[in-house]
């Protein structure tokens, strides 16, 4: 990602927006919706993550690397934030720190478990927590075919859908249509831009 987009004025106060939420909440879908809406708005940057996952595996558009390549990038200081989850490793490019410091609104797919690292890395952090009802989450996860509905419901009932800790949080409910939830995501990001002015 470019740290300094051309042709746009930065917001007065830069910000990292970490989008988090449970599996099945639809973070990737809503971020893709918002990215299409903000296309051509250079003051809003959507981050392409580095992941130890095959590029053809589906899901979000990302930079695919091996474990060894990820470790080398991490040792070289190429990540502002990195973490592991579900057998994979994730990295947010270090250039995002400079972009935030220069006044841009930077949006990244994050993780609730890594929010402390995000807060330590960036001068300003806002968390957008994407949620959905348990029934909707269960139906989406069941569609992936990895667990039975009973296993999914038990796991969801044990987990928290909220963000714990001292963070500035906005919540987007993705239980409804993609159009309604997508508009709510866009509105949340508009508020982030407004907060920076």
N, C-alpha and C. Protein backbone atom coordinates (compact mmCIF):
# COMPACT_ATOMS: atom_id res chain seq x y z
N UNK A 1 0.84 -1.18 0.00
CA UNK A 1 0.00 0.00 0.00
C UNK A 1 0.88 1.24 0.00
N UNK A 2 0.42 2.30 -0.67
CA UNK A 2 1.15 3.55 -0.67
C UNK A 2 0.89 4.28 0.64
N UNK A 3 1.96 4.77 1.26
CA UNK A 3 1.80 5.49 2.51
C UNK A 3 1.22 6.88 2.28
N UNK A 4 1.48 7.44 1.10
CA UNK A 4 1.00 8.79 0.83
C UNK A 4 0.24 8.79 -0.49
N UNK A 5 -1.09 8.65 -0.47
CA UNK A 5 -1.86 8.72 -1.70
C UNK A 5 -1.68 10.09 -2.35
N UNK A 6 -1.78 10.13 -3.66
CA UNK A 6 -1.66 11.39 -4.37
C UNK A 6 -3.04 11.89 -4.76
N UNK A 7 -3.17 13.18 -4.91
CA UNK A 7 -4.41 13.75 -5.39
C UNK A 7 -5.49 13.91 -4.35
N UNK A 8 -5.17 13.80 -3.07
CA UNK A 8 -6.18 13.97 -2.03
C UNK A 8 -5.57 14.64 -0.82
N UNK A 9 -6.41 15.39 -0.13
CA UNK A 9 -5.98 16.00 1.12
C UNK A 9 -6.25 15.00 2.25
N UNK A 10 -5.30 14.85 3.17
CA UNK A 10 -5.55 13.95 4.29
C UNK A 10 -6.58 14.53 5.24
N UNK A 11 -7.20 13.66 6.05
CA UNK A 11 -8.02 14.18 7.13
C UNK A 11 -7.06 14.83 8.12
N UNK A 12 -7.57 15.77 8.94
CA UNK A 12 -6.68 16.51 9.83
C UNK A 12 -5.97 15.61 10.83
N UNK A 13 -6.67 14.57 11.27
CA UNK A 13 -6.11 13.67 12.27
C UNK A 13 -6.25 12.25 11.76
N UNK A 14 -5.13 11.60 11.47
CA UNK A 14 -5.18 10.26 10.92
C UNK A 14 -5.71 9.24 11.91
N UNK A 15 -6.10 8.09 11.40
CA UNK A 15 -6.70 7.08 12.25
C UNK A 15 -6.59 5.70 11.61
N UNK A 16 -6.30 4.70 12.44
CA UNK A 16 -6.40 3.32 12.01
C UNK A 16 -7.77 2.81 12.44
N UNK A 17 -8.51 2.25 11.51
CA UNK A 17 -9.79 1.61 11.81
C UNK A 17 -9.59 0.11 11.69
N UNK A 18 -9.69 -0.59 12.82
CA UNK A 18 -9.56 -2.05 12.83
C UNK A 18 -10.96 -2.64 12.81
N UNK A 19 -11.26 -3.41 11.77
CA UNK A 19 -12.57 -4.05 11.64
C UNK A 19 -12.44 -5.46 12.22
N UNK A 20 -13.25 -5.75 13.24
CA UNK A 20 -13.17 -7.04 13.91
C UNK A 20 -14.56 -7.65 14.01
N UNK A 21 -14.60 -8.91 14.45
CA UNK A 21 -15.88 -9.59 14.63
C UNK A 21 -15.70 -11.08 14.52
N UNK A 22 -16.68 -11.84 14.96
CA UNK A 22 -16.58 -13.30 14.96
C UNK A 22 -16.65 -13.89 13.55
N UNK A 23 -16.21 -15.13 13.40
CA UNK A 23 -16.34 -15.84 12.13
C UNK A 23 -17.81 -15.85 11.72
N UNK A 24 -18.05 -15.56 10.45
CA UNK A 24 -19.41 -15.56 9.95
C UNK A 24 -20.10 -14.21 10.03
N UNK A 25 -19.45 -13.23 10.66
CA UNK A 25 -20.09 -11.91 10.79
C UNK A 25 -20.12 -11.15 9.47
N UNK A 26 -19.22 -11.48 8.55
CA UNK A 26 -19.22 -10.83 7.25
C UNK A 26 -18.31 -9.63 7.13
N UNK A 27 -17.19 -9.65 7.86
CA UNK A 27 -16.25 -8.52 7.82
C UNK A 27 -15.75 -8.27 6.39
N UNK A 28 -15.30 -9.33 5.71
CA UNK A 28 -14.76 -9.17 4.36
C UNK A 28 -15.79 -8.60 3.41
N UNK A 29 -17.03 -9.09 3.51
CA UNK A 29 -18.10 -8.62 2.63
C UNK A 29 -18.37 -7.14 2.83
N UNK A 30 -18.46 -6.73 4.10
CA UNK A 30 -18.74 -5.32 4.38
C UNK A 30 -17.58 -4.41 4.02
N UNK A 31 -16.35 -4.88 4.23
CA UNK A 31 -15.19 -4.08 3.85
C UNK A 31 -15.13 -3.92 2.33
N UNK A 32 -15.46 -4.98 1.59
CA UNK A 32 -15.47 -4.89 0.12
C UNK A 32 -16.56 -3.91 -0.34
N UNK A 33 -17.70 -3.94 0.32
CA UNK A 33 -18.79 -3.00 0.01
C UNK A 33 -18.31 -1.56 0.23
N UNK A 34 -17.69 -1.32 1.39
CA UNK A 34 -17.22 0.02 1.71
C UNK A 34 -16.10 0.47 0.77
N UNK A 35 -15.22 -0.45 0.41
CA UNK A 35 -14.11 -0.10 -0.49
C UNK A 35 -14.66 0.35 -1.85
N UNK A 36 -15.72 -0.31 -2.33
CA UNK A 36 -16.32 0.12 -3.60
C UNK A 36 -16.93 1.52 -3.44
N UNK A 37 -17.57 1.78 -2.30
CA UNK A 37 -18.17 3.08 -2.07
C UNK A 37 -17.12 4.18 -2.04
N UNK A 38 -15.98 3.92 -1.37
CA UNK A 38 -14.94 4.93 -1.21
C UNK A 38 -13.92 4.92 -2.35
N UNK A 39 -14.17 4.15 -3.38
CA UNK A 39 -13.24 4.10 -4.52
C UNK A 39 -13.06 5.51 -5.08
N UNK A 40 -11.82 5.90 -5.28
CA UNK A 40 -11.53 7.24 -5.77
C UNK A 40 -11.36 8.27 -4.66
N UNK A 41 -11.67 7.87 -3.42
CA UNK A 41 -11.48 8.75 -2.26
C UNK A 41 -10.13 8.37 -1.63
N UNK A 42 -9.08 9.02 -2.05
CA UNK A 42 -7.73 8.62 -1.66
C UNK A 42 -7.42 8.85 -0.19
N UNK A 43 -8.27 9.65 0.50
CA UNK A 43 -8.00 9.88 1.92
C UNK A 43 -8.39 8.67 2.77
N UNK A 44 -9.08 7.69 2.17
CA UNK A 44 -9.46 6.46 2.86
C UNK A 44 -8.72 5.30 2.20
N UNK A 45 -7.87 4.62 2.98
CA UNK A 45 -7.03 3.54 2.46
C UNK A 45 -7.48 2.21 3.05
N UNK A 46 -7.74 1.23 2.19
CA UNK A 46 -8.07 -0.11 2.64
C UNK A 46 -6.82 -0.98 2.52
N UNK A 47 -6.43 -1.59 3.63
CA UNK A 47 -5.16 -2.31 3.73
C UNK A 47 -5.27 -3.72 3.12
N UNK A 48 -4.25 -4.08 2.40
CA UNK A 48 -4.11 -5.45 1.90
C UNK A 48 -3.19 -6.18 2.88
N UNK A 49 -3.74 -7.19 3.59
CA UNK A 49 -2.96 -7.88 4.62
C UNK A 49 -2.01 -8.90 4.00
N UNK A 50 -0.97 -9.22 4.75
CA UNK A 50 -0.04 -10.31 4.41
C UNK A 50 -0.45 -11.51 5.26
N UNK A 51 -0.71 -12.66 4.61
CA UNK A 51 -1.24 -13.83 5.31
C UNK A 51 -0.51 -15.09 4.83
N UNK A 52 -0.26 -16.00 5.76
CA UNK A 52 0.35 -17.29 5.39
C UNK A 52 -0.75 -18.23 4.91
N UNK A 53 -1.44 -17.80 3.85
CA UNK A 53 -2.53 -18.59 3.26
C UNK A 53 -2.42 -18.50 1.75
N UNK A 54 -2.72 -19.58 1.08
CA UNK A 54 -2.67 -19.61 -0.38
C UNK A 54 -3.56 -18.51 -0.95
N UNK A 55 -3.07 -17.81 -1.95
CA UNK A 55 -3.83 -16.72 -2.56
C UNK A 55 -5.11 -17.22 -3.21
N UNK A 56 -5.14 -18.50 -3.60
CA UNK A 56 -6.31 -19.07 -4.27
C UNK A 56 -7.30 -19.68 -3.28
N UNK A 57 -7.06 -19.50 -1.98
CA UNK A 57 -7.90 -20.15 -0.96
C UNK A 57 -9.25 -19.47 -0.78
N UNK A 58 -9.46 -18.33 -1.43
CA UNK A 58 -10.73 -17.62 -1.27
C UNK A 58 -10.67 -16.64 -0.12
N UNK A 59 -11.79 -15.98 0.13
CA UNK A 59 -11.82 -14.97 1.18
C UNK A 59 -11.26 -13.65 0.67
N UNK A 60 -10.70 -12.89 1.58
CA UNK A 60 -10.21 -11.56 1.23
C UNK A 60 -9.03 -11.60 0.26
N UNK A 61 -8.87 -10.53 -0.49
CA UNK A 61 -7.71 -10.35 -1.36
C UNK A 61 -6.53 -10.02 -0.47
N UNK A 62 -5.46 -10.81 -0.55
CA UNK A 62 -4.33 -10.62 0.35
C UNK A 62 -3.02 -10.97 -0.34
N UNK A 63 -1.92 -10.63 0.32
CA UNK A 63 -0.60 -11.03 -0.17
C UNK A 63 -0.24 -12.34 0.52
N UNK A 64 -0.08 -13.38 -0.26
CA UNK A 64 0.19 -14.71 0.28
C UNK A 64 1.70 -14.94 0.41
N UNK A 65 2.11 -15.41 1.60
CA UNK A 65 3.53 -15.72 1.83
C UNK A 65 3.63 -17.03 2.59
N UNK A 66 4.81 -17.63 2.55
CA UNK A 66 5.07 -18.84 3.33
C UNK A 66 5.37 -18.45 4.78
N UNK A 67 5.41 -19.45 5.65
CA UNK A 67 5.79 -19.20 7.05
C UNK A 67 7.17 -18.57 7.13
N UNK A 68 8.11 -19.11 6.35
CA UNK A 68 9.48 -18.59 6.38
C UNK A 68 9.54 -17.15 5.88
N UNK A 69 8.78 -16.86 4.83
CA UNK A 69 8.76 -15.49 4.30
C UNK A 69 8.13 -14.54 5.33
N UNK A 70 7.08 -15.00 6.00
CA UNK A 70 6.44 -14.16 7.01
C UNK A 70 7.41 -13.84 8.14
N UNK A 71 8.12 -14.86 8.60
CA UNK A 71 9.09 -14.65 9.69
C UNK A 71 10.18 -13.67 9.27
N UNK A 72 10.63 -13.78 8.02
CA UNK A 72 11.67 -12.87 7.53
C UNK A 72 11.15 -11.44 7.49
N UNK A 73 9.92 -11.26 7.03
CA UNK A 73 9.32 -9.92 6.98
C UNK A 73 9.15 -9.35 8.39
N UNK A 74 8.73 -10.21 9.30
CA UNK A 74 8.53 -9.79 10.69
C UNK A 74 9.85 -9.35 11.32
N UNK A 75 10.89 -10.15 11.11
CA UNK A 75 12.21 -9.82 11.67
C UNK A 75 12.76 -8.53 11.07
N UNK A 76 12.41 -8.26 9.82
CA UNK A 76 12.90 -7.06 9.13
C UNK A 76 12.09 -5.82 9.50
N UNK A 77 11.09 -5.98 10.37
CA UNK A 77 10.28 -4.84 10.79
C UNK A 77 9.30 -4.36 9.75
N UNK A 78 8.83 -5.28 8.89
CA UNK A 78 7.94 -4.88 7.80
C UNK A 78 6.47 -4.82 8.19
N UNK A 79 6.16 -5.21 9.45
CA UNK A 79 4.78 -5.17 9.90
C UNK A 79 4.61 -4.16 11.04
N UNK A 80 3.53 -3.39 10.98
CA UNK A 80 3.16 -2.54 12.10
C UNK A 80 2.53 -3.39 13.20
N UNK A 81 1.76 -4.39 12.78
CA UNK A 81 1.10 -5.32 13.69
C UNK A 81 1.11 -6.70 13.04
N UNK A 82 1.36 -7.73 13.85
CA UNK A 82 1.27 -9.10 13.35
C UNK A 82 0.70 -9.97 14.46
N UNK A 83 0.03 -11.05 14.05
CA UNK A 83 -0.56 -11.98 15.03
C UNK A 83 -0.85 -13.31 14.35
N UNK A 84 -1.15 -14.30 15.16
CA UNK A 84 -1.51 -15.61 14.66
C UNK A 84 -2.91 -15.99 15.11
N UNK A 85 -3.63 -16.72 14.25
CA UNK A 85 -4.98 -17.20 14.59
C UNK A 85 -5.36 -18.32 13.64
N UNK A 86 -5.98 -19.35 14.21
CA UNK A 86 -6.50 -20.48 13.41
C UNK A 86 -5.44 -21.10 12.50
N UNK A 87 -4.21 -21.17 13.00
CA UNK A 87 -3.14 -21.80 12.23
C UNK A 87 -2.53 -20.93 11.15
N UNK A 88 -2.93 -19.67 11.08
CA UNK A 88 -2.39 -18.75 10.08
C UNK A 88 -1.73 -17.56 10.78
N UNK A 89 -0.90 -16.84 10.04
CA UNK A 89 -0.28 -15.63 10.57
C UNK A 89 -0.66 -14.46 9.68
N UNK A 90 -0.89 -13.32 10.34
CA UNK A 90 -1.40 -12.13 9.66
C UNK A 90 -0.48 -10.94 9.95
N UNK A 91 -0.27 -10.10 8.93
CA UNK A 91 0.55 -8.92 9.12
C UNK A 91 -0.05 -7.70 8.45
N UNK A 92 0.04 -6.56 9.15
CA UNK A 92 -0.39 -5.27 8.60
C UNK A 92 0.87 -4.50 8.23
N UNK A 93 1.04 -4.10 6.97
CA UNK A 93 2.28 -3.44 6.53
C UNK A 93 2.66 -2.23 7.37
N UNK A 94 3.95 -2.08 7.61
CA UNK A 94 4.45 -1.00 8.47
C UNK A 94 4.15 0.37 7.90
N UNK A 95 3.99 0.47 6.57
CA UNK A 95 3.69 1.76 5.94
C UNK A 95 2.39 2.37 6.45
N UNK A 96 1.52 1.55 7.01
CA UNK A 96 0.25 2.08 7.52
C UNK A 96 0.46 3.04 8.69
N UNK A 97 1.53 2.83 9.46
CA UNK A 97 1.80 3.75 10.58
C UNK A 97 2.09 5.15 10.06
N UNK A 98 2.91 5.23 9.04
CA UNK A 98 3.24 6.54 8.45
C UNK A 98 1.99 7.18 7.85
N UNK A 99 1.15 6.37 7.21
CA UNK A 99 -0.06 6.90 6.60
C UNK A 99 -0.98 7.51 7.66
N UNK A 100 -1.14 6.83 8.79
CA UNK A 100 -1.97 7.37 9.88
C UNK A 100 -1.34 8.64 10.43
N UNK A 101 -0.02 8.61 10.64
CA UNK A 101 0.67 9.79 11.19
C UNK A 101 0.56 10.99 10.26
N UNK A 102 0.43 10.73 8.96
CA UNK A 102 0.32 11.82 7.98
C UNK A 102 -1.12 12.28 7.77
N UNK A 103 -2.07 11.65 8.45
CA UNK A 103 -3.44 12.14 8.41
C UNK A 103 -4.44 11.35 7.61
N UNK A 104 -4.07 10.16 7.14
CA UNK A 104 -5.00 9.36 6.35
C UNK A 104 -5.84 8.45 7.24
N UNK A 105 -7.02 8.09 6.74
CA UNK A 105 -7.87 7.10 7.40
C UNK A 105 -7.54 5.75 6.80
N UNK A 106 -7.02 4.86 7.62
CA UNK A 106 -6.56 3.54 7.16
C UNK A 106 -7.48 2.48 7.75
N UNK A 107 -8.01 1.59 6.91
CA UNK A 107 -8.97 0.57 7.32
C UNK A 107 -8.35 -0.80 7.13
N UNK A 108 -8.34 -1.61 8.20
CA UNK A 108 -7.73 -2.94 8.11
C UNK A 108 -8.63 -3.98 8.76
N UNK A 109 -8.62 -5.16 8.21
CA UNK A 109 -9.28 -6.33 8.80
C UNK A 109 -8.40 -6.77 9.97
N UNK A 110 -8.92 -6.65 11.19
CA UNK A 110 -8.10 -6.95 12.36
C UNK A 110 -8.56 -8.18 13.10
N UNK A 111 -8.25 -8.23 14.37
CA UNK A 111 -8.62 -9.35 15.24
C UNK A 111 -8.80 -8.81 16.65
N UNK A 112 -9.86 -9.25 17.32
CA UNK A 112 -10.07 -8.79 18.69
C UNK A 112 -8.88 -9.14 19.58
N UNK A 113 -8.26 -10.29 19.31
CA UNK A 113 -7.13 -10.71 20.14
C UNK A 113 -5.89 -9.84 19.93
N UNK A 114 -5.84 -9.11 18.81
CA UNK A 114 -4.66 -8.28 18.49
C UNK A 114 -4.90 -6.80 18.71
N UNK A 115 -6.03 -6.42 19.29
CA UNK A 115 -6.33 -4.99 19.42
C UNK A 115 -5.32 -4.25 20.29
N UNK A 116 -4.78 -4.91 21.30
CA UNK A 116 -3.75 -4.27 22.12
C UNK A 116 -2.54 -3.90 21.28
N UNK A 117 -2.19 -4.75 20.33
CA UNK A 117 -1.06 -4.46 19.43
C UNK A 117 -1.39 -3.31 18.49
N UNK A 118 -2.62 -3.28 18.00
CA UNK A 118 -3.04 -2.15 17.16
C UNK A 118 -2.95 -0.84 17.93
N UNK A 119 -3.45 -0.85 19.16
CA UNK A 119 -3.45 0.37 19.97
C UNK A 119 -2.04 0.85 20.25
N UNK A 120 -1.11 -0.09 20.46
CA UNK A 120 0.28 0.28 20.72
C UNK A 120 0.97 0.82 19.47
N UNK A 121 0.52 0.37 18.29
CA UNK A 121 1.22 0.70 17.06
C UNK A 121 0.80 2.03 16.44
N UNK A 122 -0.46 2.43 16.66
CA UNK A 122 -0.99 3.59 15.94
C UNK A 122 -1.32 4.74 16.89
N UNK A 123 -1.17 5.96 16.39
CA UNK A 123 -1.42 7.14 17.20
C UNK A 123 -2.90 7.30 17.52
N UNK A 124 -3.77 6.74 16.70
CA UNK A 124 -5.21 6.78 16.97
C UNK A 124 -5.84 5.52 16.40
N UNK A 125 -6.71 4.89 17.19
CA UNK A 125 -7.37 3.66 16.79
C UNK A 125 -8.86 3.75 17.06
N UNK A 126 -9.66 3.38 16.04
CA UNK A 126 -11.10 3.17 16.22
C UNK A 126 -11.38 1.73 15.80
N UNK A 127 -12.21 1.05 16.58
CA UNK A 127 -12.58 -0.33 16.29
C UNK A 127 -14.01 -0.37 15.76
N UNK A 128 -14.21 -1.01 14.61
CA UNK A 128 -15.56 -1.30 14.13
C UNK A 128 -15.80 -2.78 14.37
N UNK A 129 -16.75 -3.07 15.24
CA UNK A 129 -17.08 -4.44 15.62
C UNK A 129 -18.29 -4.90 14.80
N UNK A 130 -18.06 -5.82 13.88
CA UNK A 130 -19.14 -6.35 13.04
C UNK A 130 -19.76 -7.55 13.76
N UNK A 131 -21.06 -7.48 13.98
CA UNK A 131 -21.75 -8.56 14.68
C UNK A 131 -22.93 -9.05 13.84
N UNK A 132 -23.53 -10.11 14.31
CA UNK A 132 -24.77 -10.64 13.72
C UNK A 132 -25.43 -11.49 14.79
N UNK A 133 -26.70 -11.79 14.62
CA UNK A 133 -27.39 -12.62 15.59
C UNK A 133 -26.79 -14.03 15.58
N UNK A 134 -26.94 -14.74 16.69
CA UNK A 134 -26.39 -16.10 16.78
C UNK A 134 -26.95 -17.00 15.69
N UNK A 135 -28.23 -16.87 15.38
CA UNK A 135 -28.83 -17.71 14.33
C UNK A 135 -28.21 -17.43 12.97
N UNK A 136 -27.98 -16.15 12.68
CA UNK A 136 -27.36 -15.78 11.39
C UNK A 136 -25.92 -16.28 11.33
N UNK A 137 -25.17 -16.08 12.41
CA UNK A 137 -23.78 -16.56 12.44
C UNK A 137 -23.74 -18.07 12.24
N UNK A 138 -24.63 -18.77 12.95
CA UNK A 138 -24.65 -20.24 12.87
C UNK A 138 -24.97 -20.70 11.44
N UNK A 139 -25.93 -20.06 10.81
CA UNK A 139 -26.31 -20.44 9.44
C UNK A 139 -25.15 -20.22 8.47
N UNK A 140 -24.45 -19.09 8.63
CA UNK A 140 -23.32 -18.81 7.73
C UNK A 140 -22.18 -19.81 7.95
N UNK A 141 -21.89 -20.10 9.21
CA UNK A 141 -20.81 -21.04 9.51
C UNK A 141 -21.19 -22.46 9.09
N UNK A 142 -22.45 -22.81 9.25
CA UNK A 142 -22.91 -24.14 8.84
C UNK A 142 -22.74 -24.32 7.33
N UNK A 143 -22.94 -23.22 6.60
CA UNK A 143 -22.78 -23.26 5.15
C UNK A 143 -21.36 -23.57 4.71
N UNK A 144 -20.39 -23.34 5.60
CA UNK A 144 -19.00 -23.66 5.27
C UNK A 144 -18.71 -25.14 5.38
N UNK A 145 -19.58 -25.87 6.10
CA UNK A 145 -19.47 -27.33 6.17
C UNK A 145 -18.35 -27.86 7.04
N UNK A 146 -17.83 -27.06 7.97
CA UNK A 146 -16.71 -27.50 8.79
C UNK A 146 -17.16 -28.07 10.13
N UNK A 147 -18.36 -27.68 10.60
CA UNK A 147 -18.87 -28.12 11.90
C UNK A 147 -20.37 -28.38 11.77
N UNK A 148 -20.92 -29.16 12.71
CA UNK A 148 -22.37 -29.34 12.74
C UNK A 148 -22.99 -28.09 13.35
N UNK A 149 -24.30 -27.92 13.15
CA UNK A 149 -24.99 -26.76 13.71
C UNK A 149 -24.90 -26.75 15.24
N UNK A 150 -25.00 -27.93 15.85
CA UNK A 150 -24.92 -28.01 17.31
C UNK A 150 -23.55 -27.58 17.81
N UNK A 151 -22.49 -28.03 17.14
CA UNK A 151 -21.13 -27.63 17.52
C UNK A 151 -20.94 -26.12 17.37
N UNK A 152 -21.48 -25.59 16.29
CA UNK A 152 -21.36 -24.15 16.03
C UNK A 152 -22.08 -23.35 17.11
N UNK A 153 -23.31 -23.75 17.44
CA UNK A 153 -24.08 -23.02 18.44
C UNK A 153 -23.41 -23.06 19.81
N UNK A 154 -22.86 -24.22 20.17
CA UNK A 154 -22.15 -24.31 21.45
C UNK A 154 -20.95 -23.38 21.48
N UNK A 155 -20.19 -23.33 20.37
CA UNK A 155 -19.01 -22.47 20.31
C UNK A 155 -19.42 -20.99 20.36
N UNK A 156 -20.48 -20.64 19.66
CA UNK A 156 -20.92 -19.25 19.64
C UNK A 156 -21.44 -18.80 21.01
N UNK A 157 -22.12 -19.70 21.70
CA UNK A 157 -22.65 -19.34 23.01
C UNK A 157 -21.54 -19.14 24.04
N UNK A 158 -20.38 -19.80 23.82
CA UNK A 158 -19.25 -19.64 24.74
C UNK A 158 -18.45 -18.37 24.46
N UNK A 159 -18.57 -17.85 23.26
CA UNK A 159 -17.73 -16.71 22.88
C UNK A 159 -18.50 -15.40 23.05
N UNK A 160 -17.74 -14.34 23.22
CA UNK A 160 -18.33 -13.01 23.36
C UNK A 160 -18.33 -12.32 22.00
N UNK A 161 -19.42 -11.61 21.70
CA UNK A 161 -19.50 -10.88 20.45
C UNK A 161 -19.11 -9.41 20.63
N UNK A 162 -18.76 -9.06 21.86
CA UNK A 162 -18.39 -7.67 22.15
C UNK A 162 -16.88 -7.51 22.17
N UNK A 163 -16.45 -6.25 22.21
CA UNK A 163 -15.02 -5.93 22.28
C UNK A 163 -14.71 -5.54 23.71
N UNK A 164 -13.79 -6.28 24.32
CA UNK A 164 -13.40 -6.00 25.71
C UNK A 164 -12.16 -5.11 25.73
N UNK A 165 -12.17 -4.12 26.60
CA UNK A 165 -11.00 -3.26 26.73
C UNK A 165 -11.34 -1.80 26.50
N UNK A 166 -10.34 -0.96 26.69
CA UNK A 166 -10.51 0.48 26.59
C UNK A 166 -10.27 0.93 25.15
N UNK A 167 -11.29 0.76 24.32
CA UNK A 167 -11.19 1.11 22.91
C UNK A 167 -12.38 1.98 22.51
N UNK A 168 -12.18 2.80 21.49
CA UNK A 168 -13.28 3.56 20.89
C UNK A 168 -13.94 2.62 19.88
N UNK A 169 -15.17 2.19 20.15
CA UNK A 169 -15.81 1.13 19.37
C UNK A 169 -17.10 1.61 18.73
N UNK A 170 -17.28 1.25 17.46
CA UNK A 170 -18.55 1.39 16.76
C UNK A 170 -19.00 -0.02 16.39
N UNK A 171 -20.31 -0.27 16.46
CA UNK A 171 -20.82 -1.60 16.15
C UNK A 171 -21.68 -1.55 14.90
N UNK A 172 -21.46 -2.51 14.00
CA UNK A 172 -22.28 -2.65 12.79
C UNK A 172 -22.92 -4.04 12.84
N UNK A 173 -24.25 -4.08 12.84
CA UNK A 173 -24.98 -5.34 12.87
C UNK A 173 -25.20 -5.82 11.44
N UNK A 174 -24.68 -6.99 11.12
CA UNK A 174 -24.79 -7.55 9.78
C UNK A 174 -25.75 -8.74 9.77
N UNK A 175 -26.83 -8.64 10.54
CA UNK A 175 -27.84 -9.70 10.55
C UNK A 175 -28.83 -9.54 9.40
N UNK A 176 -28.87 -8.34 8.81
CA UNK A 176 -29.88 -8.03 7.80
C UNK A 176 -29.28 -8.15 6.39
N UNK A 177 -29.82 -7.40 5.45
CA UNK A 177 -29.33 -7.47 4.07
C UNK A 177 -27.96 -6.80 3.95
N UNK A 178 -27.22 -7.19 2.92
CA UNK A 178 -25.90 -6.62 2.69
C UNK A 178 -26.02 -5.12 2.39
N UNK A 179 -27.13 -4.71 1.75
CA UNK A 179 -27.30 -3.29 1.45
C UNK A 179 -27.43 -2.48 2.74
N UNK A 180 -28.24 -2.97 3.67
CA UNK A 180 -28.44 -2.24 4.93
C UNK A 180 -27.16 -2.23 5.77
N UNK A 181 -26.54 -3.40 5.90
CA UNK A 181 -25.31 -3.48 6.70
C UNK A 181 -24.18 -2.73 6.03
N UNK A 182 -24.11 -2.80 4.70
CA UNK A 182 -23.08 -2.08 3.96
C UNK A 182 -23.20 -0.58 4.15
N UNK A 183 -24.43 -0.07 4.12
CA UNK A 183 -24.64 1.36 4.36
C UNK A 183 -24.24 1.75 5.78
N UNK A 184 -24.51 0.85 6.74
CA UNK A 184 -24.11 1.12 8.13
C UNK A 184 -22.58 1.16 8.25
N UNK A 185 -21.88 0.29 7.52
CA UNK A 185 -20.42 0.30 7.52
C UNK A 185 -19.89 1.60 6.92
N UNK A 186 -20.46 2.00 5.79
CA UNK A 186 -20.05 3.25 5.15
C UNK A 186 -20.28 4.44 6.09
N UNK A 187 -21.43 4.46 6.77
CA UNK A 187 -21.73 5.54 7.70
C UNK A 187 -20.73 5.56 8.85
N UNK A 188 -20.37 4.38 9.35
CA UNK A 188 -19.37 4.31 10.43
C UNK A 188 -18.04 4.89 9.97
N UNK A 189 -17.64 4.58 8.76
CA UNK A 189 -16.37 5.12 8.24
C UNK A 189 -16.47 6.62 7.99
N UNK A 190 -17.62 7.10 7.54
CA UNK A 190 -17.81 8.55 7.40
C UNK A 190 -17.64 9.23 8.75
N UNK A 191 -18.16 8.61 9.81
CA UNK A 191 -18.01 9.18 11.15
C UNK A 191 -16.54 9.20 11.56
N UNK A 192 -15.80 8.17 11.17
CA UNK A 192 -14.36 8.15 11.48
C UNK A 192 -13.64 9.30 10.79
N UNK A 193 -14.00 9.57 9.53
CA UNK A 193 -13.41 10.70 8.81
C UNK A 193 -13.77 12.00 9.52
N UNK A 194 -15.05 12.12 9.92
CA UNK A 194 -15.50 13.36 10.58
C UNK A 194 -14.78 13.56 11.91
N UNK A 195 -14.55 12.46 12.65
CA UNK A 195 -13.86 12.56 13.93
C UNK A 195 -12.44 13.08 13.74
N UNK A 196 -11.85 12.80 12.58
CA UNK A 196 -10.47 13.20 12.36
C UNK A 196 -10.31 14.67 12.00
N UNK A 197 -11.42 15.32 11.70
CA UNK A 197 -11.32 16.72 11.25
C UNK A 197 -11.31 17.71 12.41
